[in-house]
C-alpha atoms as a PDB file:
ATOM      1  CA  UNK A   1     168.067 146.355  26.281  1.00  0.00           C
ATOM      2  CA  UNK A   2     168.799 148.728  29.144  1.00  0.00           C
ATOM      3  CA  UNK A   3     167.481 146.342  31.777  1.00  0.00           C
ATOM      4  CA  UNK A   4     169.434 143.480  30.223  1.00  0.00           C
ATOM      5  CA  UNK A   5     172.590 145.601  30.289  1.00  0.00           C
ATOM      6  CA  UNK A   6     172.154 146.592  33.941  1.00  0.00           C
ATOM      7  CA  UNK A   7     171.274 143.055  35.051  1.00  0.00           C
ATOM      8  CA  UNK A   8     174.225 141.551  33.205  1.00  0.00           C
ATOM      9  CA  UNK A   9     176.568 144.063  34.870  1.00  0.00           C
ATOM     10  CA  UNK A  10     175.146 143.202  38.280  1.00  0.00           C
ATOM     11  CA  UNK A  11     175.428 139.456  37.622  1.00  0.00           C
ATOM     12  CA  UNK A  12     178.931 139.892  36.150  1.00  0.00           C
ATOM     13  CA  UNK A  13     177.932 138.295  32.836  1.00  0.00           C
ATOM     14  CA  UNK A  14     180.705 139.862  30.809  1.00  0.00           C
ATOM     15  CA  UNK A  15     179.854 138.118  27.535  1.00  0.00           C
ATOM     16  CA  UNK A  16     176.450 139.817  27.435  1.00  0.00           C
ATOM     17  CA  UNK A  17     177.990 143.165  28.403  1.00  0.00           C
ATOM     18  CA  UNK A  18     180.579 142.815  25.639  1.00  0.00           C
ATOM     19  CA  UNK A  19     177.934 141.896  23.073  1.00  0.00           C
ATOM     20  CA  UNK A  20     175.718 144.844  24.014  1.00  0.00           C
ATOM     21  CA  UNK A  21     178.601 147.328  23.910  1.00  0.00           C
ATOM     22  CA  UNK A  22     179.695 145.968  20.517  1.00  0.00           C
ATOM     23  CA  UNK A  23     176.141 146.126  19.161  1.00  0.00           C
ATOM     24  CA  UNK A  24     175.606 149.698  20.352  1.00  0.00           C
ATOM     25  CA  UNK A  25     178.944 150.749  18.855  1.00  0.00           C
ATOM     26  CA  UNK A  26     178.099 149.237  15.485  1.00  0.00           C
ATOM     27  CA  UNK A  27     174.690 150.918  15.529  1.00  0.00           C
ATOM     28  CA  UNK A  28     176.291 154.285  16.336  1.00  0.00           C
ATOM     29  CA  UNK A  29     178.755 153.946  13.450  1.00  0.00           C
ATOM     30  CA  UNK A  30     176.005 152.903  11.031  1.00  0.00           C
ATOM     31  CA  UNK A  31     173.838 155.804  12.185  1.00  0.00           C
ATOM     32  CA  UNK A  32     176.624 158.303  11.597  1.00  0.00           C
ATOM     33  CA  UNK A  33     177.327 156.831   8.151  1.00  0.00           C
ATOM     34  CA  UNK A  34     173.648 156.921   7.223  1.00  0.00           C
ATOM     35  CA  UNK A  35     173.293 160.514   8.367  1.00  0.00           C
ATOM     36  CA  UNK A  36     176.348 161.529   6.303  1.00  0.00           C
ATOM     37  CA  UNK A  37     174.911 159.844   3.218  1.00  0.00           C
ATOM     38  CA  UNK A  38     171.506 161.491   3.676  1.00  0.00           C
ATOM     39  CA  UNK A  39     173.115 164.894   4.259  1.00  0.00           C
ATOM     40  CA  UNK A  40     175.164 164.562   1.071  1.00  0.00           C
ATOM     41  CA  UNK A  41     171.996 163.768  -0.887  1.00  0.00           C
ATOM     42  CA  UNK A  42     170.001 166.647   0.609  1.00  0.00           C
ATOM     43  CA  UNK A  43     172.739 169.292   0.404  1.00  0.00           C
ATOM     44  CA  UNK A  44     174.314 169.396  -3.070  1.00  0.00           C
ATOM     45  CA  UNK A  45     177.276 171.513  -1.852  1.00  0.00           C
ATOM     46  CA  UNK A  46     178.697 168.473  -0.045  1.00  0.00           C
ATOM     47  CA  UNK A  47     180.700 166.088  -2.238  1.00  0.00           C
ATOM     48  CA  UNK A  48     181.848 162.581  -1.468  1.00  0.00           C
ATOM     49  CA  UNK A  49     185.324 162.117  -2.904  1.00  0.00           C
END
């Protein structure tokens, strides 16, 4: 993925760059959501309202 990202920047293939940035952003948001859910299960002091 990193090599694809660098090569697409060098070749000015903006559709691939946009897709990779969007994909990494979605993965970051899903990772944060998953970590919040796991933390709320592990630590009973945290409540989801």
